PDB file of N, CA and C in Angstrom:
ATOM      1  N   MET A   1      90.639 116.344 104.870  1.00  0.00           N
ATOM      2  CA  MET A   1      91.368 115.473 105.742  1.00  0.00           C
ATOM      3  C   MET A   1      90.641 115.467 107.091  1.00  0.00           C
ATOM      4  N   ASP A   2      90.399 114.293 107.616  1.00  0.00           N
ATOM      5  CA  ASP A   2      89.686 114.164 108.876  1.00  0.00           C
ATOM      6  C   ASP A   2      90.668 113.645 109.919  1.00  0.00           C
ATOM      7  N   LEU A   3      91.209 114.553 110.731  1.00  0.00           N
ATOM      8  CA  LEU A   3      92.195 114.185 111.751  1.00  0.00           C
ATOM      9  C   LEU A   3      91.521 114.057 113.114  1.00  0.00           C
ATOM     10  N   PRO A   4      92.068 113.187 113.975  1.00  0.00           N
ATOM     11  CA  PRO A   4      91.545 113.121 115.335  1.00  0.00           C
ATOM     12  C   PRO A   4      91.672 114.498 116.012  1.00  0.00           C
ATOM     13  N   VAL A   5      90.717 114.833 116.851  1.00  0.00           N
ATOM     14  CA  VAL A   5      90.647 116.150 117.492  1.00  0.00           C
ATOM     15  C   VAL A   5      91.934 116.469 118.247  1.00  0.00           C
ATOM     16  N   GLU A   6      92.470 115.516 118.988  1.00  0.00           N
ATOM     17  CA  GLU A   6      93.672 115.767 119.797  1.00  0.00           C
ATOM     18  C   GLU A   6      94.885 116.068 118.913  1.00  0.00           C
ATOM     19  N   ILE A   7      95.045 115.345 117.825  1.00  0.00           N
ATOM     20  CA  ILE A   7      96.176 115.588 116.920  1.00  0.00           C
ATOM     21  C   ILE A   7      96.027 116.950 116.255  1.00  0.00           C
ATOM     22  N   LEU A   8      94.819 117.278 115.839  1.00  0.00           N
ATOM     23  CA  LEU A   8      94.567 118.578 115.217  1.00  0.00           C
ATOM     24  C   LEU A   8      94.862 119.708 116.201  1.00  0.00           C
ATOM     25  N   ARG A   9      94.456 119.551 117.448  1.00  0.00           N
ATOM     26  CA  ARG A   9      94.714 120.567 118.477  1.00  0.00           C
ATOM     27  C   ARG A   9      96.214 120.777 118.672  1.00  0.00           C
ATOM     28  N   GLN A  10      96.959 119.663 118.758  1.00  0.00           N
ATOM     29  CA  GLN A  10      98.411 119.754 118.941  1.00  0.00           C
ATOM     30  C   GLN A  10      99.081 120.398 117.730  1.00  0.00           C
ATOM     31  N   ALA A  11      98.610 120.066 116.529  1.00  0.00           N
ATOM     32  CA  ALA A  11      99.188 120.635 115.307  1.00  0.00           C
ATOM     33  C   ALA A  11      98.925 122.140 115.247  1.00  0.00           C
ATOM     34  N   LYS A  12      97.724 122.565 115.606  1.00  0.00           N
ATOM     35  CA  LYS A  12      97.407 123.991 115.596  1.00  0.00           C
ATOM     36  C   LYS A  12      98.281 124.746 116.600  1.00  0.00           C
ATOM     37  N   ALA A  13      98.464 124.153 117.776  1.00  0.00           N
ATOM     38  CA  ALA A  13      99.286 124.796 118.804  1.00  0.00           C
ATOM     39  C   ALA A  13     100.737 124.906 118.340  1.00  0.00           C
ATOM     40  N   LYS A  14     101.266 123.855 117.723  1.00  0.00           N
ATOM     41  CA  LYS A  14     102.648 123.867 117.243  1.00  0.00           C
ATOM     42  C   LYS A  14     102.806 124.899 116.134  1.00  0.00           C
ATOM     43  N   ALA A  15     101.840 124.964 115.237  1.00  0.00           N
ATOM     44  CA  ALA A  15     101.894 125.946 114.157  1.00  0.00           C
ATOM     45  C   ALA A  15     101.899 127.362 114.730  1.00  0.00           C
ATOM     46  N   ALA A  16     101.063 127.605 115.723  1.00  0.00           N
ATOM     47  CA  ALA A  16     100.999 128.934 116.340  1.00  0.00           C
ATOM     48  C   ALA A  16     102.318 129.291 117.010  1.00  0.00           C
ATOM     49  N   LEU A  17     102.921 128.321 117.710  1.00  0.00           N
ATOM     50  CA  LEU A  17     104.208 128.577 118.367  1.00  0.00           C
ATOM     51  C   LEU A  17     105.310 128.891 117.359  1.00  0.00           C
ATOM     52  N   GLU A  18     105.233 128.286 116.173  1.00  0.00           N
ATOM     53  CA  GLU A  18     106.240 128.508 115.144  1.00  0.00           C
ATOM     54  C   GLU A  18     105.911 129.700 114.257  1.00  0.00           C
ATOM     55  N   GLY A  19     104.732 130.299 114.441  1.00  0.00           N
ATOM     56  CA  GLY A  19     104.329 131.426 113.614  1.00  0.00           C
ATOM     57  C   GLY A  19     104.005 131.000 112.189  1.00  0.00           C
ATOM     58  N   ALA A  20     103.558 129.762 112.010  1.00  0.00           N
ATOM     59  CA  ALA A  20     103.231 129.233 110.689  1.00  0.00           C
ATOM     60  C   ALA A  20     101.742 128.911 110.635  1.00  0.00           C
ATOM     61  N   THR A  21     101.253 128.735 109.437  1.00  0.00           N
ATOM     62  CA  THR A  21      99.860 128.309 109.296  1.00  0.00           C
ATOM     63  C   THR A  21      99.796 126.794 109.484  1.00  0.00           C
ATOM     64  N   LEU A  22      98.614 126.321 109.792  1.00  0.00           N
ATOM     65  CA  LEU A  22      98.419 124.878 109.951  1.00  0.00           C
ATOM     66  C   LEU A  22      98.742 124.162 108.642  1.00  0.00           C
ATOM     67  N   LYS A  23      98.330 124.780 107.523  1.00  0.00           N
ATOM     68  CA  LYS A  23      98.600 124.182 106.210  1.00  0.00           C
ATOM     69  C   LYS A  23     100.103 124.035 105.972  1.00  0.00           C
ATOM     70  N   LYS A  24     100.880 125.060 106.283  1.00  0.00           N
ATOM     71  CA  LYS A  24     102.339 124.994 106.078  1.00  0.00           C
ATOM     72  C   LYS A  24     102.968 123.927 106.973  1.00  0.00           C
ATOM     73  N   LEU A  25     102.523 123.857 108.225  1.00  0.00           N
ATOM     74  CA  LEU A  25     103.072 122.874 109.156  1.00  0.00           C
ATOM     75  C   LEU A  25     102.789 121.449 108.667  1.00  0.00           C
ATOM     76  N   LEU A  26     101.531 121.187 108.314  1.00  0.00           N
ATOM     77  CA  LEU A  26     101.172 119.841 107.857  1.00  0.00           C
ATOM     78  C   LEU A  26     101.870 119.499 106.545  1.00  0.00           C
ATOM     79  N   THR A  27     102.000 120.467 105.642  1.00  0.00           N
ATOM     80  CA  THR A  27     102.694 120.230 104.374  1.00  0.00           C
ATOM     81  C   THR A  27     104.140 119.844 104.639  1.00  0.00           C
ATOM     82  N   ARG A  28     104.787 120.569 105.543  1.00  0.00           N
ATOM     83  CA  ARG A  28     106.188 120.273 105.880  1.00  0.00           C
ATOM     84  C   ARG A  28     106.327 118.864 106.473  1.00  0.00           C
ATOM     85  N   TYR A  29     105.429 118.507 107.372  1.00  0.00           N
ATOM     86  CA  TYR A  29     105.484 117.180 107.988  1.00  0.00           C
ATOM     87  C   TYR A  29     105.237 116.069 106.954  1.00  0.00           C
ATOM     88  N   ILE A  30     104.277 116.269 106.087  1.00  0.00           N
ATOM     89  CA  ILE A  30     103.976 115.248 105.073  1.00  0.00           C
ATOM     90  C   ILE A  30     105.140 115.096 104.105  1.00  0.00           C
ATOM     91  N   GLU A  31     105.717 116.231 103.657  1.00  0.00           N
ATOM     92  CA  GLU A  31     106.863 116.173 102.748  1.00  0.00           C
ATOM     93  C   GLU A  31     108.038 115.459 103.403  1.00  0.00           C
ATOM     94  N   SER A  32     108.254 115.733 104.685  1.00  0.00           N
ATOM     95  CA  SER A  32     109.339 115.081 105.417  1.00  0.00           C
ATOM     96  C   SER A  32     109.116 113.566 105.483  1.00  0.00           C
ATOM     97  N   GLY A  33     107.892 113.172 105.758  1.00  0.00           N
ATOM     98  CA  GLY A  33     107.580 111.740 105.811  1.00  0.00           C
ATOM     99  C   GLY A  33     107.746 111.067 104.463  1.00  0.00           C
ATOM    100  N   LEU A  34     107.356 111.745 103.391  1.00  0.00           N
ATOM    101  CA  LEU A  34     107.497 111.163 102.054  1.00  0.00           C
ATOM    102  C   LEU A  34     108.962 111.020 101.652  1.00  0.00           C
ATOM    103  N   ARG A  35     109.789 111.969 102.065  1.00  0.00           N
ATOM    104  CA  ARG A  35     111.228 111.874 101.744  1.00  0.00           C
ATOM    105  C   ARG A  35     111.869 110.689 102.457  1.00  0.00           C
ATOM    106  N   GLN A  36     111.343 110.317 103.604  1.00  0.00           N
ATOM    107  CA  GLN A  36     111.914 109.218 104.378  1.00  0.00           C
ATOM    108  C   GLN A  36     111.504 107.848 103.864  1.00  0.00           C
ATOM    109  N   MET A  37     110.483 107.792 102.989  1.00  0.00           N
ATOM    110  CA  MET A  37     110.035 106.505 102.463  1.00  0.00           C
ATOM    111  C   MET A  37     111.099 105.930 101.548  1.00  0.00           C
ATOM    112  N   PRO A  38     111.396 104.624 101.658  1.00  0.00           N
ATOM    113  CA  PRO A  38     112.326 104.003 100.724  1.00  0.00           C
ATOM    114  C   PRO A  38     111.818 104.138  99.293  1.00  0.00           C
ATOM    115  N   GLU A  39     112.741 104.223  98.341  1.00  0.00           N
ATOM    116  CA  GLU A  39     112.382 104.428  96.935  1.00  0.00           C
ATOM    117  C   GLU A  39     111.435 103.359  96.427  1.00  0.00           C
ATOM    118  N   ALA A  40     111.634 102.110  96.820  1.00  0.00           N
ATOM    119  CA  ALA A  40     110.786 101.014  96.334  1.00  0.00           C
ATOM    120  C   ALA A  40     109.339 101.201  96.768  1.00  0.00           C
ATOM    121  N   ASN A  41     109.129 101.717  97.971  1.00  0.00           N
ATOM    122  CA  ASN A  41     107.769 101.883  98.469  1.00  0.00           C
ATOM    123  C   ASN A  41     107.027 103.000  97.752  1.00  0.00           C
ATOM    124  N   ARG A  42     107.735 103.999  97.248  1.00  0.00           N
ATOM    125  CA  ARG A  42     107.075 105.103  96.555  1.00  0.00           C
ATOM    126  C   ARG A  42     106.469 104.650  95.241  1.00  0.00           C
ATOM    127  N   GLU A  43     107.142 103.740  94.551  1.00  0.00           N
ATOM    128  CA  GLU A  43     106.705 103.356  93.214  1.00  0.00           C
ATOM    129  C   GLU A  43     105.542 102.374  93.247  1.00  0.00           C
ATOM    130  N   GLY A  44     105.585 101.395  94.091  1.00  0.00           N
ATOM    131  CA  GLY A  44     104.512 100.409  94.118  1.00  0.00           C
ATOM    132  C   GLY A  44     104.435  99.756  95.476  1.00  0.00           C
ATOM    133  N   VAL A  45     103.700 100.360  96.336  1.00  0.00           N
ATOM    134  CA  VAL A  45     103.592  99.841  97.688  1.00  0.00           C
ATOM    135  C   VAL A  45     103.002  98.443  97.637  1.00  0.00           C
ATOM    136  N   GLY A  46     103.692  97.492  98.279  1.00  0.00           N
ATOM    137  CA  GLY A  46     103.197  96.131  98.330  1.00  0.00           C
ATOM    138  C   GLY A  46     103.461  95.306  97.092  1.00  0.00           C
ATOM    139  N   ARG A  47     104.171  95.844  96.131  1.00  0.00           N
ATOM    140  CA  ARG A  47     104.430  95.112  94.894  1.00  0.00           C
ATOM    141  C   ARG A  47     105.648  94.226  95.072  1.00  0.00           C
ATOM    142  N   SER A  48     105.587  93.048  94.520  1.00  0.00           N
ATOM    143  CA  SER A  48     106.687  92.106  94.575  1.00  0.00           C
ATOM    144  C   SER A  48     107.623  92.349  93.403  1.00  0.00           C
ATOM    145  N   LYS A  49     108.923  92.159  93.616  1.00  0.00           N
ATOM    146  CA  LYS A  49     109.889  92.283  92.538  1.00  0.00           C
ATOM    147  C   LYS A  49     110.063  90.955  91.814  1.00  0.00           C
ATOM    148  N   LEU A  50     109.388  89.920  92.305  1.00  0.00           N
ATOM    149  CA  LEU A  50     109.475  88.615  91.675  1.00  0.00           C
ATOM    150  C   LEU A  50     108.706  88.626  90.360  1.00  0.00           C
ATOM    151  N   PRO A  51     109.121  87.793  89.409  1.00  0.00           N
ATOM    152  CA  PRO A  51     108.369  87.757  88.150  1.00  0.00           C
ATOM    153  C   PRO A  51     106.959  87.225  88.392  1.00  0.00           C
ATOM    154  N   VAL A  52     106.036  87.738  87.634  1.00  0.00           N
ATOM    155  CA  VAL A  52     104.642  87.333  87.762  1.00  0.00           C
ATOM    156  C   VAL A  52     104.296  86.422  86.595  1.00  0.00           C
ATOM    157  N   ILE A  53     103.736  85.269  86.916  1.00  0.00           N
ATOM    158  CA  ILE A  53     103.339  84.315  85.885  1.00  0.00           C
ATOM    159  C   ILE A  53     101.862  84.535  85.604  1.00  0.00           C
ATOM    160  N   PRO A  54     101.520  84.886  84.365  1.00  0.00           N
ATOM    161  CA  PRO A  54     100.108  85.143  84.077  1.00  0.00           C
ATOM    162  C   PRO A  54      99.283  83.872  84.158  1.00  0.00           C
ATOM    163  N   ARG A  55      98.035  84.019  84.554  1.00  0.00           N
ATOM    164  CA  ARG A  55      97.108  82.902  84.667  1.00  0.00           C
ATOM    165  C   ARG A  55      96.606  82.519  83.291  1.00  0.00           C
ATOM    166  N   ARG A  56      96.438  81.238  83.057  1.00  0.00           N
ATOM    167  CA  ARG A  56      95.879  80.757  81.800  1.00  0.00           C
ATOM    168  C   ARG A  56      94.481  80.228  82.051  1.00  0.00           C
ATOM    169  N   GLY A  57      93.577  80.550  81.169  1.00  0.00           N
ATOM    170  CA  GLY A  57      92.212  80.059  81.323  1.00  0.00           C
ATOM    171  C   GLY A  57      91.441  80.857  82.345  1.00  0.00           C
ATOM    172  N   LYS A  58      90.252  80.373  82.656  1.00  0.00           N
ATOM    173  CA  LYS A  58      89.386  81.107  83.577  1.00  0.00           C
ATOM    174  C   LYS A  58      89.270  80.437  84.934  1.00  0.00           C
ATOM    175  N   ARG A  59      89.885  79.265  85.084  1.00  0.00           N
ATOM    176  CA  ARG A  59      89.821  78.588  86.380  1.00  0.00           C
ATOM    177  C   ARG A  59      90.709  79.312  87.385  1.00  0.00           C
ATOM    178  N   PRO A  60      90.269  79.396  88.642  1.00  0.00           N
ATOM    179  CA  PRO A  60      91.123  80.035  89.642  1.00  0.00           C
ATOM    180  C   PRO A  60      92.357  79.183  89.923  1.00  0.00           C
ATOM    181  N   VAL A  61      93.441  79.850  90.254  1.00  0.00           N
ATOM    182  CA  VAL A  61      94.684  79.158  90.582  1.00  0.00           C
ATOM    183  C   VAL A  61      94.602  78.706  92.031  1.00  0.00           C
ATOM    184  N   ARG A  62      94.870  77.421  92.266  1.00  0.00           N
ATOM    185  CA  ARG A  62      94.813  76.901  93.639  1.00  0.00           C
ATOM    186  C   ARG A  62      96.053  77.330  94.405  1.00  0.00           C
ATOM    187  N   ASN A  63      95.877  77.539  95.692  1.00  0.00           N
ATOM    188  CA  ASN A  63      97.017  77.818  96.554  1.00  0.00           C
ATOM    189  C   ASN A  63      97.781  76.525  96.778  1.00  0.00           C
ATOM    190  N   LEU A  64      99.084  76.610  96.741  1.00  0.00           N
ATOM    191  CA  LEU A  64      99.922  75.431  96.943  1.00  0.00           C
ATOM    192  C   LEU A  64     100.121  75.231  98.438  1.00  0.00           C
ATOM    193  N   THR A  65      99.331  74.346  99.012  1.00  0.00           N
ATOM    194  CA  THR A  65      99.460  74.038 100.431  1.00  0.00           C
ATOM    195  C   THR A  65     100.511  72.952 100.599  1.00  0.00           C
ATOM    196  N   ALA A  66     100.922  72.712 101.824  1.00  0.00           N
ATOM    197  CA  ALA A  66     101.907  71.665 102.096  1.00  0.00           C
ATOM    198  C   ALA A  66     101.352  70.297 101.686  1.00  0.00           C
ATOM    199  N   ASP A  67     100.065  70.059 101.952  1.00  0.00           N
ATOM    200  CA  ASP A  67      99.447  68.782 101.580  1.00  0.00           C
ATOM    201  C   ASP A  67      99.421  68.598 100.063  1.00  0.00           C
ATOM    202  N   LEU A  68      99.070  69.659  99.354  1.00  0.00           N
ATOM    203  CA  LEU A  68      99.014  69.578  97.898  1.00  0.00           C
ATOM    204  C   LEU A  68     100.410  69.361  97.313  1.00  0.00           C
ATOM    205  N   GLN A  69     101.403  70.047  97.865  1.00  0.00           N
ATOM    206  CA  GLN A  69     102.778  69.857  97.391  1.00  0.00           C
ATOM    207  C   GLN A  69     103.228  68.420  97.639  1.00  0.00           C
ATOM    208  N   ALA A  70     102.917  67.872  98.806  1.00  0.00           N
ATOM    209  CA  ALA A  70     103.285  66.494  99.116  1.00  0.00           C
ATOM    210  C   ALA A  70     102.620  65.529  98.141  1.00  0.00           C
ATOM    211  N   ARG A  71     101.369  65.790  97.791  1.00  0.00           N
ATOM    212  CA  ARG A  71     100.668  64.932  96.832  1.00  0.00           C
ATOM    213  C   ARG A  71     101.318  64.996  95.456  1.00  0.00           C
ATOM    214  N   PHE A  72     101.683  66.214  95.017  1.00  0.00           N
ATOM    215  CA  PHE A  72     102.365  66.354  93.725  1.00  0.00           C
ATOM    216  C   PHE A  72     103.698  65.604  93.717  1.00  0.00           C
ATOM    217  N   GLU A  73     104.447  65.729  94.817  1.00  0.00           N
ATOM    218  CA  GLU A  73     105.743  65.052  94.899  1.00  0.00           C
ATOM    219  C   GLU A  73     105.569  63.533  94.890  1.00  0.00           C
ATOM    220  N   GLU A  74     104.542  63.047  95.588  1.00  0.00           N
ATOM    221  CA  GLU A  74     104.271  61.606  95.611  1.00  0.00           C
ATOM    222  C   GLU A  74     103.902  61.103  94.220  1.00  0.00           C
ATOM    223  N   GLU A  75     103.055  61.867  93.510  1.00  0.00           N
ATOM    224  CA  GLU A  75     102.681  61.478  92.143  1.00  0.00           C
ATOM    225  C   GLU A  75     103.904  61.476  91.220  1.00  0.00           C
ATOM    226  N   GLU A  76     104.771  62.451  91.399  1.00  0.00           N
ATOM    227  CA  GLU A  76     105.982  62.522  90.583  1.00  0.00           C
ATOM    228  C   GLU A  76     106.897  61.334  90.886  1.00  0.00           C
ATOM    229  N   ASP A  77     107.043  60.985  92.169  1.00  0.00           N
ATOM    230  CA  ASP A  77     107.870  59.835  92.545  1.00  0.00           C
ATOM    231  C   ASP A  77     107.303  58.535  91.963  1.00  0.00           C
ATOM    232  N   ARG A  78     105.994  58.360  92.048  1.00  0.00           N
ATOM    233  CA  ARG A  78     105.368  57.151  91.494  1.00  0.00           C
ATOM    234  C   ARG A  78     105.592  57.064  89.985  1.00  0.00           C
ATOM    235  N   ALA A  79     105.480  58.215  89.302  1.00  0.00           N
ATOM    236  CA  ALA A  79     105.694  58.228  87.848  1.00  0.00           C
ATOM    237  C   ALA A  79     107.135  57.842  87.522  1.00  0.00           C
ATOM    238  N   LYS A  80     108.088  58.333  88.320  1.00  0.00           N
ATOM    239  CA  LYS A  80     109.494  57.996  88.083  1.00  0.00           C
ATOM    240  C   LYS A  80     109.745  56.515  88.326  1.00  0.00           C
ATOM    241  N   LEU A  81     109.139  55.968  89.369  1.00  0.00           N
ATOM    242  CA  LEU A  81     109.355  54.557  89.697  1.00  0.00           C
ATOM    243  C   LEU A  81     108.695  53.622  88.686  1.00  0.00           C
ATOM    244  N   SER A  82     107.660  54.080  88.041  1.00  0.00           N
ATOM    245  CA  SER A  82     106.969  53.208  87.083  1.00  0.00           C
ATOM    246  C   SER A  82     107.657  53.181  85.728  1.00  0.00           C
ATOM    247  N   ARG A  83     108.571  54.105  85.466  1.00  0.00           N
ATOM    248  CA  ARG A  83     109.291  54.119  84.183  1.00  0.00           C
ATOM    249  C   ARG A  83     110.369  53.038  84.196  1.00  0.00           C
ATOM    250  N   PRO A  84     110.621  52.462  83.023  1.00  0.00           N
ATOM    251  CA  PRO A  84     111.692  51.462  82.970  1.00  0.00           C
ATOM    252  C   PRO A  84     113.066  52.120  83.166  1.00  0.00           C
ATOM    253  N   PHE A  85     113.947  51.381  83.773  1.00  0.00           N
ATOM    254  CA  PHE A  85     115.295  51.870  84.012  1.00  0.00           C
ATOM    255  C   PHE A  85     116.119  51.808  82.733  1.00  0.00           C
ATOM    256  N   ARG A  86     116.748  52.881  82.336  1.00  0.00           N
ATOM    257  CA  ARG A  86     117.554  52.921  81.124  1.00  0.00           C
ATOM    258  C   ARG A  86     118.989  53.284  81.456  1.00  0.00           C
ATOM    259  N   ARG A  87     119.909  52.722  80.680  1.00  0.00           N
ATOM    260  CA  ARG A  87     121.332  53.067  80.838  1.00  0.00           C
ATOM    261  C   ARG A  87     121.826  53.866  79.718  1.00  0.00           C
TER     262      ARG A  87
END
C-alpha cells in the first residue's frame, strides 16, 4: 500500500497513542469503512439494476441522441400517416 507521507505519519502517531500497531489501526479503519458501504455497492460497484439487453451481431450499438430519437419518431409518424385509415 502506498500512502501519502502525511497520512502515514498521522496514522503512525495515532497508533502509537492508542498502543496499537499500524497494521491493527489501518485494519480497524478499513473494516469500519467497509461496514458503512451500502449493501448494493459491495456486490457490484457501478452495476445497474436495470435489465441488460444483449447486443446482436458485431456492429456497435449507436448511442440514442436527441437528434436520432427525433428522426426515429419522425419516420414512425410518416409511416403511420402513409397507412390507410381503417375502421
